[in-house]
Amino acid sequence: MTSRIQAVIANADSKSNSLVDALPSNQETTRSNFLAVWAVCRALVSRSTPISPTAATVANEGKIKNAKFPEKQTLYNIYRPMLRIWRAAYNAILDINSPDPTTIDASLKIDVTEMDAGTRANVQALQRIVMEQNQRCNALKQLIGAMSPIPSAALSPESQKVITELAEWLHRMKNGTFLLDDVALKVGRKSPVGTRIMSAELFYGLETFVEENRPAMLEIKREPLSRQK
């Protein structure tokens, strides 16, 4: 892990150096400030517990040793490219240090016997929600996988809208903060708490689409999906 973090720092140093080298030679003050911002950002990100190099944090840290260090707004306006490099490095290091995402099976097997009553109740409630949502997703996968192709000309405008939104959702899932591997689509290391998986409108639109376009001869023994009140 240490070598991976060192590689991230080295990459950020390389980009910072290129940024400074690209400055006009006659801008000595700007160049000097870029170097100072670089040093502060590097120190923050290189700590054993990295600190995000926001403009406010960098300005405060810089002024501890240099009263003429750029103000927060100046960092936003002029030195943002350097902040951007080191924020990317900070996020990469957080990703390296983050634990592997918990699978559904693992979350359902969490031992709650040693927890206090309140924590145990909360964990068990979350486990029930995870299990119910997993069952819903499995039912949707079964339905979608069993459907016969439908000519686009035969689709209603509402159905075509749902397909367009689904295509956009699939693209976001593949290129967003969720983790897609050979097994499943999972909450990844970069997924902020409370990240929306799918809008209710798209979910219910898919439910309606499946019900309206399911082949008549298809018989799947299941309870109909219903909206929870």
Protein backbone atom coordinates (compact mmCIF):
# COMPACT_ATOMS: atom_id res chain seq x y z
CA MET A 1 0.00 0.00 0.00
CA THR A 2 2.86 2.37 0.86
CA SER A 3 4.38 1.98 -2.59
CA ARG A 4 1.03 2.75 -4.21
CA ILE A 5 0.68 5.93 -2.14
CA GLN A 6 4.23 6.94 -3.01
CA ALA A 7 3.39 6.45 -6.69
CA VAL A 8 0.36 8.75 -6.31
CA ILE A 9 2.51 11.42 -4.65
CA ALA A 10 5.18 11.08 -7.34
CA ASN A 11 2.57 11.43 -10.07
CA ALA A 12 1.16 14.57 -8.43
CA ASP A 13 4.71 15.97 -8.11
CA SER A 14 5.32 15.34 -11.79
CA LYS A 15 2.10 17.12 -12.80
CA SER A 16 2.88 20.00 -10.43
CA ASN A 17 6.35 20.38 -11.91
CA SER A 18 4.92 20.45 -15.43
CA LEU A 19 2.42 23.09 -14.35
CA VAL A 20 5.13 25.32 -12.90
CA ASP A 21 7.45 24.81 -15.87
CA ALA A 22 4.68 25.97 -18.22
CA LEU A 23 4.46 29.38 -16.52
CA PRO A 24 5.95 32.38 -18.35
CA SER A 25 9.45 33.15 -17.13
CA ASN A 26 8.56 36.78 -16.36
CA GLN A 27 5.88 35.83 -13.80
CA GLU A 28 8.27 35.34 -10.89
CA THR A 29 5.75 36.09 -8.14
CA THR A 30 3.13 33.77 -9.59
CA ARG A 31 5.76 31.07 -10.04
CA SER A 32 6.95 31.47 -6.45
CA ASN A 33 3.38 31.24 -5.17
CA PHE A 34 2.68 28.14 -7.23
CA LEU A 35 5.73 26.50 -5.67
CA ALA A 36 4.54 27.50 -2.19
CA VAL A 37 1.04 26.13 -2.85
CA TRP A 38 2.58 22.94 -4.19
CA ALA A 39 4.62 22.50 -0.99
CA VAL A 40 1.61 23.02 1.30
CA CYS A 41 -0.64 20.72 -0.73
CA ARG A 42 2.02 18.01 -0.75
CA ALA A 43 2.49 18.26 3.01
CA LEU A 44 -1.24 17.94 3.64
CA VAL A 45 -1.75 14.98 1.34
CA SER A 46 1.43 13.18 2.49
CA ARG A 47 0.43 13.04 6.15
CA SER A 48 -0.24 9.69 7.78
CA THR A 49 -3.86 10.78 7.86
CA PRO A 50 -4.20 12.82 4.64
CA ILE A 51 -5.99 16.16 4.77
CA SER A 52 -7.99 17.41 1.80
CA PRO A 53 -6.16 20.36 0.21
CA THR A 54 -9.11 22.71 -0.06
CA ALA A 55 -8.45 26.38 -0.74
CA ALA A 56 -9.38 27.31 2.83
CA THR A 57 -7.13 24.67 4.40
CA VAL A 58 -4.19 25.43 2.12
CA ALA A 59 -4.52 29.17 2.79
CA ASN A 60 -4.58 28.65 6.56
CA GLU A 61 -1.62 26.25 6.50
CA GLY A 62 0.39 28.48 4.21
CA LYS A 63 -0.05 31.58 6.35
CA ILE A 64 1.37 29.81 9.40
CA LYS A 65 4.87 30.12 7.89
CA ASN A 66 4.32 32.84 5.31
CA ALA A 67 2.16 35.87 6.05
CA LYS A 68 2.14 36.76 2.34
CA PHE A 69 0.78 33.37 1.30
CA PRO A 70 -2.15 33.72 -1.18
CA GLU A 71 -5.62 34.20 0.27
CA LYS A 72 -8.35 31.59 -0.16
CA GLN A 73 -10.10 33.46 -2.97
CA THR A 74 -6.80 33.99 -4.78
CA LEU A 75 -6.19 30.25 -4.59
CA TYR A 76 -9.59 29.69 -6.18
CA ASN A 77 -9.01 32.21 -8.93
CA ILE A 78 -5.37 31.71 -9.87
CA TYR A 79 -3.90 28.61 -8.26
CA ARG A 80 -6.84 26.24 -8.73
CA PRO A 81 -4.92 23.97 -11.19
CA MET A 82 -2.44 23.11 -8.43
CA LEU A 83 -5.25 22.46 -5.95
CA ARG A 84 -6.95 20.22 -8.51
CA ILE A 85 -3.82 18.08 -8.93
CA TRP A 86 -3.50 17.48 -5.22
CA ARG A 87 -7.21 16.96 -4.58
CA ALA A 88 -7.02 14.17 -7.15
CA ALA A 89 -4.02 12.74 -5.31
CA TYR A 90 -5.88 13.01 -1.99
CA ASN A 91 -8.88 11.13 -3.40
CA ALA A 92 -6.62 8.46 -4.89
CA ILE A 93 -4.94 7.90 -1.52
CA LEU A 94 -8.33 7.67 0.22
CA ASP A 95 -9.29 5.07 -2.34
CA ILE A 96 -6.15 3.07 -1.59
CA ASN A 97 -6.74 3.26 2.16
CA SER A 98 -10.44 2.43 1.98
CA PRO A 99 -11.55 -1.07 2.97
CA ASP A 100 -12.96 -3.34 0.30
CA PRO A 101 -16.70 -2.85 -0.26
CA THR A 102 -18.97 -5.12 1.73
CA THR A 103 -20.94 -7.64 -0.29
CA ILE A 104 -24.63 -8.30 0.32
CA ASP A 105 -23.91 -11.75 1.73
CA ALA A 106 -21.32 -10.36 4.13
CA SER A 107 -23.64 -7.59 5.33
CA LEU A 108 -26.37 -10.13 6.08
CA LYS A 109 -23.93 -12.23 8.13
CA ILE A 110 -22.81 -9.44 10.46
CA ASP A 111 -22.85 -10.78 14.01
CA VAL A 112 -25.07 -8.59 16.18
CA THR A 113 -25.01 -10.67 19.36
CA GLU A 114 -22.41 -8.50 21.10
CA MET A 115 -24.01 -5.17 20.14
CA ASP A 116 -26.12 -3.05 22.45
CA ALA A 117 -29.88 -3.14 21.89
CA GLY A 118 -30.09 0.10 19.90
CA THR A 119 -27.20 -0.69 17.56
CA ARG A 120 -28.44 -4.25 17.10
CA ALA A 121 -31.90 -3.00 16.10
CA ASN A 122 -30.44 -0.54 13.61
CA VAL A 123 -28.17 -3.13 12.01
CA GLN A 124 -30.97 -5.68 11.76
CA ALA A 125 -33.27 -3.09 10.17
CA LEU A 126 -30.60 -2.28 7.60
CA GLN A 127 -30.08 -5.98 6.92
CA ARG A 128 -33.79 -6.38 6.20
CA ILE A 129 -33.71 -3.44 3.80
CA VAL A 130 -30.66 -4.85 2.00
CA MET A 131 -32.31 -8.26 1.68
CA GLU A 132 -35.61 -6.79 0.37
CA GLN A 133 -33.83 -4.59 -2.19
CA ASN A 134 -31.70 -7.51 -3.33
CA GLN A 135 -34.83 -9.59 -3.87
CA ARG A 136 -36.40 -6.78 -5.90
CA CYS A 137 -33.28 -6.46 -8.05
CA ASN A 138 -33.18 -10.19 -8.66
CA ALA A 139 -36.85 -10.14 -9.70
CA LEU A 140 -36.18 -7.30 -12.12
CA LYS A 141 -33.18 -9.12 -13.60
CA GLN A 142 -35.29 -12.24 -14.09
CA LEU A 143 -38.04 -10.31 -15.83
CA ILE A 144 -35.78 -8.25 -18.04
CA GLY A 145 -33.70 -11.28 -18.99
CA ALA A 146 -36.79 -13.28 -19.98
CA MET A 147 -38.38 -10.59 -22.13
CA SER A 148 -38.45 -10.99 -25.90
CA PRO A 149 -37.03 -8.13 -28.01
CA ILE A 150 -39.66 -5.52 -28.78
CA PRO A 151 -39.50 -3.44 -31.99
CA SER A 152 -38.90 0.19 -31.06
CA ALA A 153 -41.73 1.27 -33.38
CA ALA A 154 -44.16 -0.70 -31.22
CA LEU A 155 -43.17 1.07 -28.02
CA SER A 156 -45.19 3.87 -26.53
CA PRO A 157 -43.53 7.26 -26.00
CA GLU A 158 -43.49 6.53 -22.27
CA SER A 159 -41.68 3.23 -22.82
CA GLN A 160 -39.16 4.83 -25.17
CA LYS A 161 -38.50 7.47 -22.51
CA VAL A 162 -37.86 4.74 -19.92
CA ILE A 163 -35.40 2.98 -22.25
CA THR A 164 -33.54 6.22 -22.85
CA GLU A 165 -33.33 6.90 -19.12
CA LEU A 166 -32.22 3.30 -18.49
CA ALA A 167 -29.44 3.66 -21.07
CA GLU A 168 -28.27 6.86 -19.35
CA TRP A 169 -28.43 5.11 -15.97
CA LEU A 170 -26.34 2.18 -17.24
CA HIS A 171 -23.76 4.62 -18.56
CA ARG A 172 -23.60 6.42 -15.21
CA MET A 173 -23.21 3.15 -13.32
CA LYS A 174 -20.28 2.10 -15.50
CA ASN A 175 -18.57 5.46 -15.24
CA GLY A 176 -19.59 6.65 -11.79
CA THR A 177 -18.70 5.92 -8.19
CA PHE A 178 -20.23 2.45 -8.07
CA LEU A 179 -18.06 -0.62 -8.57
CA LEU A 180 -18.94 -3.02 -11.40
CA ASP A 181 -17.05 -6.31 -11.52
CA ASP A 182 -17.72 -9.80 -12.90
CA VAL A 183 -20.06 -10.57 -10.02
CA ALA A 184 -22.22 -7.54 -9.35
CA LEU A 185 -22.73 -3.79 -9.28
CA LYS A 186 -21.70 -2.72 -5.80
CA VAL A 187 -21.20 0.34 -3.67
CA GLY A 188 -17.54 1.22 -4.20
CA ARG A 189 -14.86 2.91 -2.19
CA LYS A 190 -15.59 6.28 -3.77
CA SER A 191 -19.35 6.13 -3.22
CA PRO A 192 -20.36 8.86 -0.77
CA VAL A 193 -22.81 7.91 1.96
CA GLY A 194 -26.35 8.39 0.67
CA THR A 195 -25.41 8.16 -3.02
CA ARG A 196 -28.61 7.59 -5.04
CA ILE A 197 -28.60 4.24 -6.87
CA MET A 198 -31.65 4.82 -9.05
CA SER A 199 -34.39 7.41 -9.08
CA ALA A 200 -37.83 6.26 -7.97
CA GLU A 201 -39.24 7.56 -11.24
CA LEU A 202 -36.97 5.29 -13.30
CA PHE A 203 -37.56 2.31 -11.02
CA TYR A 204 -41.34 2.58 -11.29
CA GLY A 205 -41.06 3.32 -15.00
CA LEU A 206 -39.15 0.05 -15.45
CA GLU A 207 -41.74 -1.78 -13.40
CA THR A 208 -44.54 -0.45 -15.60
CA PHE A 209 -42.55 -1.16 -18.77
CA VAL A 210 -41.98 -4.78 -17.75
CA GLU A 211 -45.62 -5.34 -16.86
CA GLU A 212 -46.91 -3.81 -20.09
CA ASN A 213 -44.50 -5.54 -22.45
CA ARG A 214 -44.09 -8.96 -20.89
CA PRO A 215 -44.92 -11.63 -23.51
CA ALA A 216 -48.40 -13.04 -22.96
CA MET A 217 -47.19 -16.65 -22.90
CA LEU A 218 -44.53 -15.91 -20.28
CA GLU A 219 -45.50 -17.19 -16.86
CA ILE A 220 -43.24 -16.29 -14.01
CA LYS A 221 -44.32 -17.45 -10.60
CA ARG A 222 -43.78 -14.38 -8.49
CA GLU A 223 -45.67 -11.75 -6.61
CA PRO A 224 -46.12 -8.52 -8.65
CA LEU A 225 -43.75 -5.72 -7.78
CA SER A 226 -45.57 -3.07 -5.83
CA ARG A 227 -44.67 0.38 -4.62
CA GLN A 228 -44.01 0.58 -0.95
CA LYS A 229 -46.06 3.17 0.84
